[in-house]
Amino acid sequence: MEDDLMIQTDQAADQMVEELPIQVLILMNQTILISQIDEVLADIGQPDCKLINPCTLIGGKVERWMSDVTSNNEMFISSDKIVTLVDPSQHILEEYKKFIQ
């Protein structure tokens, strides 16, 4: 019974992550990212955006962001570091989804 509950909880968490929007972010330092993004409550000055599976876009190629310094697939960033958010093109969205699977 307890194992079933844990499996259901894991599946619910996976479904929540899948439902988060996938956006292209342009950062203040001109870095272009594609990521699932979730707004989180935070104190002033603290990171308030959770990036899930963030990747860089370099020449249309998707690569894991900061893979040379961490294996984390969830990172936090302050929204004031983001210049703009846009929807990815269908091609980039498909490449991203294939990459993170």
PDB file of N, CA and C in Angstrom:
ATOM      1  N   MET A   1       0.830  -1.188   0.000  1.00  0.00           N
ATOM      2  CA  MET A   1       0.000   0.000   0.000  1.00  0.00           C
ATOM      3  C   MET A   1       0.882   1.263   0.000  1.00  0.00           C
ATOM      4  N   GLU A   2       1.872   1.289   0.867  1.00  0.00           N
ATOM      5  CA  GLU A   2       2.756   2.451   0.954  1.00  0.00           C
ATOM      6  C   GLU A   2       3.552   2.635  -0.335  1.00  0.00           C
ATOM      7  N   ASP A   3       4.001   1.519  -0.930  1.00  0.00           N
ATOM      8  CA  ASP A   3       4.730   1.591  -2.196  1.00  0.00           C
ATOM      9  C   ASP A   3       3.853   2.167  -3.298  1.00  0.00           C
ATOM     10  N   ASP A   4       2.571   1.772  -3.325  1.00  0.00           N
ATOM     11  CA  ASP A   4       1.638   2.302  -4.323  1.00  0.00           C
ATOM     12  C   ASP A   4       1.485   3.804  -4.172  1.00  0.00           C
ATOM     13  N   LEU A   5       1.407   4.272  -2.938  1.00  0.00           N
ATOM     14  CA  LEU A   5       1.268   5.706  -2.678  1.00  0.00           C
ATOM     15  C   LEU A   5       2.506   6.454  -3.154  1.00  0.00           C
ATOM     16  N   MET A   6       3.697   5.886  -2.930  1.00  0.00           N
ATOM     17  CA  MET A   6       4.929   6.529  -3.360  1.00  0.00           C
ATOM     18  C   MET A   6       4.990   6.606  -4.884  1.00  0.00           C
ATOM     19  N   ILE A   7       4.562   5.547  -5.558  1.00  0.00           N
ATOM     20  CA  ILE A   7       4.559   5.541  -7.024  1.00  0.00           C
ATOM     21  C   ILE A   7       3.590   6.588  -7.544  1.00  0.00           C
ATOM     22  N   GLN A   8       2.401   6.678  -6.937  1.00  0.00           N
ATOM     23  CA  GLN A   8       1.417   7.674  -7.358  1.00  0.00           C
ATOM     24  C   GLN A   8       1.948   9.085  -7.135  1.00  0.00           C
ATOM     25  N   THR A   9       2.635   9.318  -6.023  1.00  0.00           N
ATOM     26  CA  THR A   9       3.204  10.628  -5.724  1.00  0.00           C
ATOM     27  C   THR A   9       4.273  10.987  -6.745  1.00  0.00           C
ATOM     28  N   ASP A  10       5.139  10.028  -7.092  1.00  0.00           N
ATOM     29  CA  ASP A  10       6.168  10.263  -8.106  1.00  0.00           C
ATOM     30  C   ASP A  10       5.549  10.574  -9.456  1.00  0.00           C
ATOM     31  N   GLN A  11       4.501   9.852  -9.830  1.00  0.00           N
ATOM     32  CA  GLN A  11       3.834  10.092 -11.109  1.00  0.00           C
ATOM     33  C   GLN A  11       3.188  11.471 -11.126  1.00  0.00           C
ATOM     34  N   ALA A  12       2.584  11.874 -10.013  1.00  0.00           N
ATOM     35  CA  ALA A  12       1.964  13.193  -9.932  1.00  0.00           C
ATOM     36  C   ALA A  12       3.015  14.286 -10.066  1.00  0.00           C
ATOM     37  N   ALA A  13       4.168  14.092  -9.444  1.00  0.00           N
ATOM     38  CA  ALA A  13       5.252  15.077  -9.555  1.00  0.00           C
ATOM     39  C   ALA A  13       5.751  15.156 -10.988  1.00  0.00           C
ATOM     40  N   ASP A  14       5.887  14.008 -11.653  1.00  0.00           N
ATOM     41  CA  ASP A  14       6.319  14.000 -13.056  1.00  0.00           C
ATOM     42  C   ASP A  14       5.315  14.726 -13.939  1.00  0.00           C
ATOM     43  N   GLN A  15       4.031  14.521 -13.695  1.00  0.00           N
ATOM     44  CA  GLN A  15       3.002  15.192 -14.487  1.00  0.00           C
ATOM     45  C   GLN A  15       3.073  16.696 -14.274  1.00  0.00           C
ATOM     46  N   MET A  16       3.328  17.138 -13.034  1.00  0.00           N
ATOM     47  CA  MET A  16       3.421  18.570 -12.764  1.00  0.00           C
ATOM     48  C   MET A  16       4.572  19.183 -13.544  1.00  0.00           C
ATOM     49  N   VAL A  17       5.729  18.527 -13.562  1.00  0.00           N
ATOM     50  CA  VAL A  17       6.885  19.055 -14.280  1.00  0.00           C
ATOM     51  C   VAL A  17       6.570  19.131 -15.768  1.00  0.00           C
ATOM     52  N   GLU A  18       5.899  18.105 -16.306  1.00  0.00           N
ATOM     53  CA  GLU A  18       5.565  18.085 -17.726  1.00  0.00           C
ATOM     54  C   GLU A  18       4.632  19.229 -18.101  1.00  0.00           C
ATOM     55  N   GLU A  19       3.797  19.690 -17.187  1.00  0.00           N
ATOM     56  CA  GLU A  19       2.831  20.730 -17.487  1.00  0.00           C
ATOM     57  C   GLU A  19       3.421  22.136 -17.408  1.00  0.00           C
ATOM     58  N   LEU A  20       4.616  22.290 -16.870  1.00  0.00           N
ATOM     59  CA  LEU A  20       5.223  23.607 -16.786  1.00  0.00           C
ATOM     60  C   LEU A  20       5.565  24.108 -18.190  1.00  0.00           C
ATOM     61  N   PRO A  21       5.434  25.407 -18.404  1.00  0.00           N
ATOM     62  CA  PRO A  21       5.726  25.930 -19.742  1.00  0.00           C
ATOM     63  C   PRO A  21       7.211  25.817 -20.079  1.00  0.00           C
ATOM     64  N   ILE A  22       7.475  25.571 -21.349  1.00  0.00           N
ATOM     65  CA  ILE A  22       8.844  25.564 -21.854  1.00  0.00           C
ATOM     66  C   ILE A  22       9.031  26.894 -22.574  1.00  0.00           C
ATOM     67  N   GLN A  23      10.023  27.650 -22.131  1.00  0.00           N
ATOM     68  CA  GLN A  23      10.246  28.990 -22.655  1.00  0.00           C
ATOM     69  C   GLN A  23      11.697  29.173 -23.076  1.00  0.00           C
ATOM     70  N   VAL A  24      11.901  30.067 -24.014  1.00  0.00           N
ATOM     71  CA  VAL A  24      13.246  30.525 -24.348  1.00  0.00           C
ATOM     72  C   VAL A  24      13.473  31.790 -23.538  1.00  0.00           C
ATOM     73  N   LEU A  25      14.571  31.834 -22.801  1.00  0.00           N
ATOM     74  CA  LEU A  25      14.913  32.977 -21.961  1.00  0.00           C
ATOM     75  C   LEU A  25      16.135  33.671 -22.535  1.00  0.00           C
ATOM     76  N   ILE A  26      16.086  34.974 -22.624  1.00  0.00           N
ATOM     77  CA  ILE A  26      17.258  35.764 -22.965  1.00  0.00           C
ATOM     78  C   ILE A  26      17.700  36.424 -21.664  1.00  0.00           C
ATOM     79  N   LEU A  27      18.912  36.098 -21.214  1.00  0.00           N
ATOM     80  CA  LEU A  27      19.415  36.657 -19.961  1.00  0.00           C
ATOM     81  C   LEU A  27      20.130  37.970 -20.205  1.00  0.00           C
ATOM     82  N   MET A  28      20.345  38.723 -19.154  1.00  0.00           N
ATOM     83  CA  MET A  28      21.017  40.018 -19.261  1.00  0.00           C
ATOM     84  C   MET A  28      22.420  39.895 -19.841  1.00  0.00           C
ATOM     85  N   ASN A  29      23.078  38.763 -19.627  1.00  0.00           N
ATOM     86  CA  ASN A  29      24.435  38.568 -20.154  1.00  0.00           C
ATOM     87  C   ASN A  29      24.418  38.012 -21.582  1.00  0.00           C
ATOM     88  N   GLN A  30      23.245  38.045 -22.238  1.00  0.00           N
ATOM     89  CA  GLN A  30      23.035  37.598 -23.620  1.00  0.00           C
ATOM     90  C   GLN A  30      23.009  36.080 -23.784  1.00  0.00           C
ATOM     91  N   THR A  31      23.050  35.315 -22.703  1.00  0.00           N
ATOM     92  CA  THR A  31      22.902  33.868 -22.777  1.00  0.00           C
ATOM     93  C   THR A  31      21.464  33.548 -23.186  1.00  0.00           C
ATOM     94  N   ILE A  32      21.315  32.590 -24.085  1.00  0.00           N
ATOM     95  CA  ILE A  32      19.986  32.148 -24.508  1.00  0.00           C
ATOM     96  C   ILE A  32      19.772  30.750 -23.941  1.00  0.00           C
ATOM     97  N   LEU A  33      18.705  30.595 -23.161  1.00  0.00           N
ATOM     98  CA  LEU A  33      18.368  29.313 -22.550  1.00  0.00           C
ATOM     99  C   LEU A  33      17.008  28.850 -23.036  1.00  0.00           C
ATOM    100  N   ILE A  34      16.790  27.554 -22.969  1.00  0.00           N
ATOM    101  CA  ILE A  34      15.456  26.985 -23.115  1.00  0.00           C
ATOM    102  C   ILE A  34      15.262  26.103 -21.898  1.00  0.00           C
ATOM    103  N   SER A  35      14.090  26.226 -21.267  1.00  0.00           N
ATOM    104  CA  SER A  35      13.876  25.521 -20.012  1.00  0.00           C
ATOM    105  C   SER A  35      12.398  25.482 -19.670  1.00  0.00           C
ATOM    106  N   GLN A  36      12.046  24.501 -18.864  1.00  0.00           N
ATOM    107  CA  GLN A  36      10.766  24.576 -18.185  1.00  0.00           C
ATOM    108  C   GLN A  36      10.983  25.593 -17.076  1.00  0.00           C
ATOM    109  N   ILE A  37       9.975  26.411 -16.810  1.00  0.00           N
ATOM    110  CA  ILE A  37      10.160  27.471 -15.830  1.00  0.00           C
ATOM    111  C   ILE A  37       8.967  27.510 -14.890  1.00  0.00           C
ATOM    112  N   ASP A  38       9.269  27.719 -13.616  1.00  0.00           N
ATOM    113  CA  ASP A  38       8.244  27.794 -12.585  1.00  0.00           C
ATOM    114  C   ASP A  38       8.551  28.985 -11.697  1.00  0.00           C
ATOM    115  N   GLU A  39       7.565  29.808 -11.463  1.00  0.00           N
ATOM    116  CA  GLU A  39       7.746  30.953 -10.577  1.00  0.00           C
ATOM    117  C   GLU A  39       7.587  30.470  -9.139  1.00  0.00           C
ATOM    118  N   VAL A  40       8.512  30.871  -8.262  1.00  0.00           N
ATOM    119  CA  VAL A  40       8.458  30.470  -6.857  1.00  0.00           C
ATOM    120  C   VAL A  40       8.421  31.713  -5.974  1.00  0.00           C
ATOM    121  N   LEU A  41       7.827  31.559  -4.823  1.00  0.00           N
ATOM    122  CA  LEU A  41       7.805  32.665  -3.866  1.00  0.00           C
ATOM    123  C   LEU A  41       9.179  32.810  -3.243  1.00  0.00           C
ATOM    124  N   ALA A  42       9.644  34.045  -3.155  1.00  0.00           N
ATOM    125  CA  ALA A  42      10.973  34.288  -2.581  1.00  0.00           C
ATOM    126  C   ALA A  42      11.003  35.685  -1.979  1.00  0.00           C
ATOM    127  N   ASP A  43      11.900  35.876  -1.025  1.00  0.00           N
ATOM    128  CA  ASP A  43      12.112  37.198  -0.459  1.00  0.00           C
ATOM    129  C   ASP A  43      12.764  38.093  -1.505  1.00  0.00           C
ATOM    130  N   ILE A  44      12.628  39.386  -1.319  1.00  0.00           N
ATOM    131  CA  ILE A  44      13.239  40.344  -2.243  1.00  0.00           C
ATOM    132  C   ILE A  44      14.735  40.074  -2.330  1.00  0.00           C
ATOM    133  N   GLY A  45      15.233  40.010  -3.564  1.00  0.00           N
ATOM    134  CA  GLY A  45      16.651  39.765  -3.793  1.00  0.00           C
ATOM    135  C   GLY A  45      17.024  38.301  -3.912  1.00  0.00           C
ATOM    136  N   GLN A  46      16.090  37.413  -3.596  1.00  0.00           N
ATOM    137  CA  GLN A  46      16.346  35.980  -3.692  1.00  0.00           C
ATOM    138  C   GLN A  46      15.856  35.446  -5.033  1.00  0.00           C
ATOM    139  N   PRO A  47      16.443  34.362  -5.541  1.00  0.00           N
ATOM    140  CA  PRO A  47      15.986  33.782  -6.812  1.00  0.00           C
ATOM    141  C   PRO A  47      14.504  33.411  -6.745  1.00  0.00           C
ATOM    142  N   ASP A  48      13.748  33.798  -7.773  1.00  0.00           N
ATOM    143  CA  ASP A  48      12.309  33.566  -7.763  1.00  0.00           C
ATOM    144  C   ASP A  48      11.803  32.783  -8.980  1.00  0.00           C
ATOM    145  N   CYS A  49      12.733  32.263  -9.766  1.00  0.00           N
ATOM    146  CA  CYS A  49      12.366  31.422 -10.910  1.00  0.00           C
ATOM    147  C   CYS A  49      13.122  30.101 -10.806  1.00  0.00           C
ATOM    148  N   LYS A  50      12.373  29.022 -10.897  1.00  0.00           N
ATOM    149  CA  LYS A  50      12.986  27.694 -10.893  1.00  0.00           C
ATOM    150  C   LYS A  50      13.067  27.222 -12.338  1.00  0.00           C
ATOM    151  N   LEU A  51      14.270  26.918 -12.801  1.00  0.00           N
ATOM    152  CA  LEU A  51      14.491  26.404 -14.137  1.00  0.00           C
ATOM    153  C   LEU A  51      14.671  24.893 -14.034  1.00  0.00           C
ATOM    154  N   ILE A  52      13.893  24.160 -14.800  1.00  0.00           N
ATOM    155  CA  ILE A  52      13.958  22.703 -14.784  1.00  0.00           C
ATOM    156  C   ILE A  52      14.483  22.251 -16.143  1.00  0.00           C
ATOM    157  N   ASN A  53      15.564  21.500 -16.131  1.00  0.00           N
ATOM    158  CA  ASN A  53      16.249  21.054 -17.345  1.00  0.00           C
ATOM    159  C   ASN A  53      16.667  22.225 -18.231  1.00  0.00           C
ATOM    160  N   PRO A  54      17.341  23.231 -17.656  1.00  0.00           N
ATOM    161  CA  PRO A  54      17.771  24.354 -18.494  1.00  0.00           C
ATOM    162  C   PRO A  54      18.890  23.957 -19.446  1.00  0.00           C
ATOM    163  N   CYS A  55      18.767  24.428 -20.675  1.00  0.00           N
ATOM    164  CA  CYS A  55      19.762  24.156 -21.707  1.00  0.00           C
ATOM    165  C   CYS A  55      20.086  25.449 -22.432  1.00  0.00           C
ATOM    166  N   THR A  56      21.294  25.519 -22.964  1.00  0.00           N
ATOM    167  CA  THR A  56      21.668  26.672 -23.777  1.00  0.00           C
ATOM    168  C   THR A  56      21.299  26.384 -25.225  1.00  0.00           C
ATOM    169  N   LEU A  57      21.103  27.459 -25.952  1.00  0.00           N
ATOM    170  CA  LEU A  57      20.894  27.378 -27.394  1.00  0.00           C
ATOM    171  C   LEU A  57      22.054  28.106 -28.051  1.00  0.00           C
ATOM    172  N   ILE A  58      22.912  27.350 -28.697  1.00  0.00           N
ATOM    173  CA  ILE A  58      24.060  27.944 -29.375  1.00  0.00           C
ATOM    174  C   ILE A  58      24.001  27.478 -30.830  1.00  0.00           C
ATOM    175  N   GLY A  59      23.747  28.421 -31.722  1.00  0.00           N
ATOM    176  CA  GLY A  59      23.639  28.080 -33.133  1.00  0.00           C
ATOM    177  C   GLY A  59      22.536  27.080 -33.423  1.00  0.00           C
ATOM    178  N   GLY A  60      21.450  27.146 -32.647  1.00  0.00           N
ATOM    179  CA  GLY A  60      20.337  26.214 -32.833  1.00  0.00           C
ATOM    180  C   GLY A  60      20.560  24.852 -32.219  1.00  0.00           C
ATOM    181  N   LYS A  61      21.711  24.656 -31.551  1.00  0.00           N
ATOM    182  CA  LYS A  61      22.026  23.378 -30.914  1.00  0.00           C
ATOM    183  C   LYS A  61      21.722  23.457 -29.416  1.00  0.00           C
ATOM    184  N   VAL A  62      21.071  22.422 -28.906  1.00  0.00           N
ATOM    185  CA  VAL A  62      20.690  22.354 -27.493  1.00  0.00           C
ATOM    186  C   VAL A  62      21.788  21.640 -26.714  1.00  0.00           C
ATOM    187  N   GLU A  63      22.255  22.282 -25.633  1.00  0.00           N
ATOM    188  CA  GLU A  63      23.257  21.688 -24.750  1.00  0.00           C
ATOM    189  C   GLU A  63      22.880  21.985 -23.305  1.00  0.00           C
ATOM    190  N   ARG A  64      23.188  21.058 -22.425  1.00  0.00           N
ATOM    191  CA  ARG A  64      22.871  21.236 -20.997  1.00  0.00           C
ATOM    192  C   ARG A  64      23.610  22.459 -20.466  1.00  0.00           C
ATOM    193  N   TRP A  65      22.881  23.345 -19.780  1.00  0.00           N
ATOM    194  CA  TRP A  65      23.467  24.563 -19.224  1.00  0.00           C
ATOM    195  C   TRP A  65      24.276  24.220 -17.981  1.00  0.00           C
ATOM    196  N   MET A  66      25.468  24.715 -17.899  1.00  0.00           N
ATOM    197  CA  MET A  66      26.383  24.572 -16.754  1.00  0.00           C
ATOM    198  C   MET A  66      26.744  23.122 -16.451  1.00  0.00           C
ATOM    199  N   SER A  67      26.726  22.259 -17.481  1.00  0.00           N
ATOM    200  CA  SER A  67      27.036  20.845 -17.263  1.00  0.00           C
ATOM    201  C   SER A  67      28.483  20.627 -16.840  1.00  0.00           C
ATOM    202  N   ASP A  68      29.332  21.618 -17.103  1.00  0.00           N
ATOM    203  CA  ASP A  68      30.735  21.480 -16.702  1.00  0.00           C
ATOM    204  C   ASP A  68      30.965  21.774 -15.223  1.00  0.00           C
ATOM    205  N   VAL A  69      29.937  22.302 -14.536  1.00  0.00           N
ATOM    206  CA  VAL A  69      30.113  22.617 -13.108  1.00  0.00           C
ATOM    207  C   VAL A  69      29.094  21.941 -12.191  1.00  0.00           C
ATOM    208  N   THR A  70      28.004  21.370 -12.759  1.00  0.00           N
ATOM    209  CA  THR A  70      27.011  20.729 -11.902  1.00  0.00           C
ATOM    210  C   THR A  70      26.245  19.663 -12.672  1.00  0.00           C
ATOM    211  N   SER A  71      25.736  18.693 -11.929  1.00  0.00           N
ATOM    212  CA  SER A  71      24.866  17.679 -12.530  1.00  0.00           C
ATOM    213  C   SER A  71      23.401  17.960 -12.212  1.00  0.00           C
ATOM    214  N   ASN A  72      23.132  19.054 -11.488  1.00  0.00           N
ATOM    215  CA  ASN A  72      21.754  19.411 -11.145  1.00  0.00           C
ATOM    216  C   ASN A  72      20.946  19.700 -12.402  1.00  0.00           C
ATOM    217  N   ASN A  73      19.693  19.285 -12.394  1.00  0.00           N
ATOM    218  CA  ASN A  73      18.824  19.624 -13.514  1.00  0.00           C
ATOM    219  C   ASN A  73      17.757  20.638 -13.109  1.00  0.00           C
ATOM    220  N   GLU A  74      17.837  21.117 -11.880  1.00  0.00           N
ATOM    221  CA  GLU A  74      16.963  22.187 -11.407  1.00  0.00           C
ATOM    222  C   GLU A  74      17.840  23.290 -10.831  1.00  0.00           C
ATOM    223  N   MET A  75      17.603  24.516 -11.295  1.00  0.00           N
ATOM    224  CA  MET A  75      18.396  25.660 -10.845  1.00  0.00           C
ATOM    225  C   MET A  75      17.462  26.835 -10.603  1.00  0.00           C
ATOM    226  N   PHE A  76      17.915  27.735  -9.769  1.00  0.00           N
ATOM    227  CA  PHE A  76      17.123  28.920  -9.471  1.00  0.00           C
ATOM    228  C   PHE A  76      17.825  30.160 -10.002  1.00  0.00           C
ATOM    229  N   ILE A  77      17.031  31.121 -10.465  1.00  0.00           N
ATOM    230  CA  ILE A  77      17.564  32.357 -11.013  1.00  0.00           C
ATOM    231  C   ILE A  77      16.621  33.489 -10.619  1.00  0.00           C
ATOM    232  N   SER A  78      17.177  34.668 -10.434  1.00  0.00           N
ATOM    233  CA  SER A  78      16.346  35.843 -10.143  1.00  0.00           C
ATOM    234  C   SER A  78      15.723  36.348 -11.440  1.00  0.00           C
ATOM    235  N   SER A  79      14.454  36.656 -11.402  1.00  0.00           N
ATOM    236  CA  SER A  79      13.763  37.103 -12.614  1.00  0.00           C
ATOM    237  C   SER A  79      14.337  38.410 -13.156  1.00  0.00           C
ATOM    238  N   ASP A  80      15.011  39.182 -12.308  1.00  0.00           N
ATOM    239  CA  ASP A  80      15.590  40.440 -12.804  1.00  0.00           C
ATOM    240  C   ASP A  80      16.808  40.202 -13.702  1.00  0.00           C
ATOM    241  N   LYS A  81      17.263  38.953 -13.804  1.00  0.00           N
ATOM    242  CA  LYS A  81      18.363  38.607 -14.719  1.00  0.00           C
ATOM    243  C   LYS A  81      17.849  38.204 -16.096  1.00  0.00           C
ATOM    244  N   ILE A  82      16.523  38.123 -16.238  1.00  0.00           N
ATOM    245  CA  ILE A  82      15.895  37.715 -17.492  1.00  0.00           C
ATOM    246  C   ILE A  82      15.420  38.960 -18.231  1.00  0.00           C
ATOM    247  N   VAL A  83      15.885  39.132 -19.468  1.00  0.00           N
ATOM    248  CA  VAL A  83      15.464  40.267 -20.290  1.00  0.00           C
ATOM    249  C   VAL A  83      14.075  40.000 -20.856  1.00  0.00           C
ATOM    250  N   THR A  84      13.890  38.792 -21.416  1.00  0.00           N
ATOM    251  CA  THR A  84      12.592  38.451 -21.989  1.00  0.00           C
ATOM    252  C   THR A  84      12.404  36.945 -22.041  1.00  0.00           C
ATOM    253  N   LEU A  85      11.150  36.539 -22.160  1.00  0.00           N
ATOM    254  CA  LEU A  85      10.754  35.138 -22.321  1.00  0.00           C
ATOM    255  C   LEU A  85       9.927  35.045 -23.589  1.00  0.00           C
ATOM    256  N   VAL A  86      10.191  34.044 -24.407  1.00  0.00           N
ATOM    257  CA  VAL A  86       9.395  33.828 -25.612  1.00  0.00           C
ATOM    258  C   VAL A  86       9.126  32.337 -25.774  1.00  0.00           C
ATOM    259  N   ASP A  87       8.108  32.022 -26.568  1.00  0.00           N
ATOM    260  CA  ASP A  87       7.825  30.632 -26.894  1.00  0.00           C
ATOM    261  C   ASP A  87       8.864  30.139 -27.899  1.00  0.00           C
ATOM    262  N   PRO A  88       9.342  28.912 -27.737  1.00  0.00           N
ATOM    263  CA  PRO A  88      10.310  28.385 -28.698  1.00  0.00           C
ATOM    264  C   PRO A  88       9.633  28.039 -30.018  1.00  0.00           C
ATOM    265  N   SER A  89      10.416  28.053 -31.099  1.00  0.00           N
ATOM    266  CA  SER A  89       9.901  27.582 -32.381  1.00  0.00           C
ATOM    267  C   SER A  89       9.624  26.086 -32.253  1.00  0.00           C
ATOM    268  N   GLN A  90       8.807  25.562 -33.127  1.00  0.00           N
ATOM    269  CA  GLN A  90       8.463  24.136 -33.076  1.00  0.00           C
ATOM    270  C   GLN A  90       9.715  23.266 -33.201  1.00  0.00           C
ATOM    271  N   HIS A  91      10.625  23.643 -34.095  1.00  0.00           N
ATOM    272  CA  HIS A  91      11.863  22.878 -34.299  1.00  0.00           C
ATOM    273  C   HIS A  91      12.707  22.845 -33.017  1.00  0.00           C
ATOM    274  N   ILE A  92      12.914  24.002 -32.400  1.00  0.00           N
ATOM    275  CA  ILE A  92      13.722  24.076 -31.167  1.00  0.00           C
ATOM    276  C   ILE A  92      13.024  23.315 -30.039  1.00  0.00           C
ATOM    277  N   LEU A  93      11.718  23.439 -29.939  1.00  0.00           N
ATOM    278  CA  LEU A  93      10.956  22.723 -28.907  1.00  0.00           C
ATOM    279  C   LEU A  93      11.134  21.210 -29.056  1.00  0.00           C
ATOM    280  N   GLU A  94      11.042  20.701 -30.275  1.00  0.00           N
ATOM    281  CA  GLU A  94      11.228  19.272 -30.509  1.00  0.00           C
ATOM    282  C   GLU A  94      12.642  18.832 -30.167  1.00  0.00           C
ATOM    283  N   GLU A  95      13.640  19.632 -30.567  1.00  0.00           N
ATOM    284  CA  GLU A  95      15.034  19.308 -30.241  1.00  0.00           C
ATOM    285  C   GLU A  95      15.249  19.269 -28.729  1.00  0.00           C
ATOM    286  N   TYR A  96      14.677  20.245 -28.020  1.00  0.00           N
ATOM    287  CA  TYR A  96      14.803  20.303 -26.555  1.00  0.00           C
ATOM    288  C   TYR A  96      14.172  19.060 -25.909  1.00  0.00           C
ATOM    289  N   LYS A  97      12.963  18.733 -26.320  1.00  0.00           N
ATOM    290  CA  LYS A  97      12.268  17.597 -25.717  1.00  0.00           C
ATOM    291  C   LYS A  97      13.036  16.291 -25.952  1.00  0.00           C
ATOM    292  N   LYS A  98      13.584  16.127 -27.152  1.00  0.00           N
ATOM    293  CA  LYS A  98      14.394  14.921 -27.427  1.00  0.00           C
ATOM    294  C   LYS A  98      15.643  14.922 -26.547  1.00  0.00           C
ATOM    295  N   PHE A  99      16.265  16.077 -26.371  1.00  0.00           N
ATOM    296  CA  PHE A  99      17.503  16.176 -25.613  1.00  0.00           C
ATOM    297  C   PHE A  99      17.315  15.829 -24.142  1.00  0.00           C
ATOM    298  N   ILE A 100      16.223  16.284 -23.531  1.00  0.00           N
ATOM    299  CA  ILE A 100      16.053  16.089 -22.085  1.00  0.00           C
ATOM    300  C   ILE A 100      15.482  14.715 -21.727  1.00  0.00           C
ATOM    301  N   GLN A 101      15.050  13.954 -22.705  1.00  0.00           N
ATOM    302  CA  GLN A 101      14.497  12.620 -22.392  1.00  0.00           C
ATOM    303  C   GLN A 101      15.566  11.616 -22.090  1.00  0.00           C
TER     304      GLN A 101
END
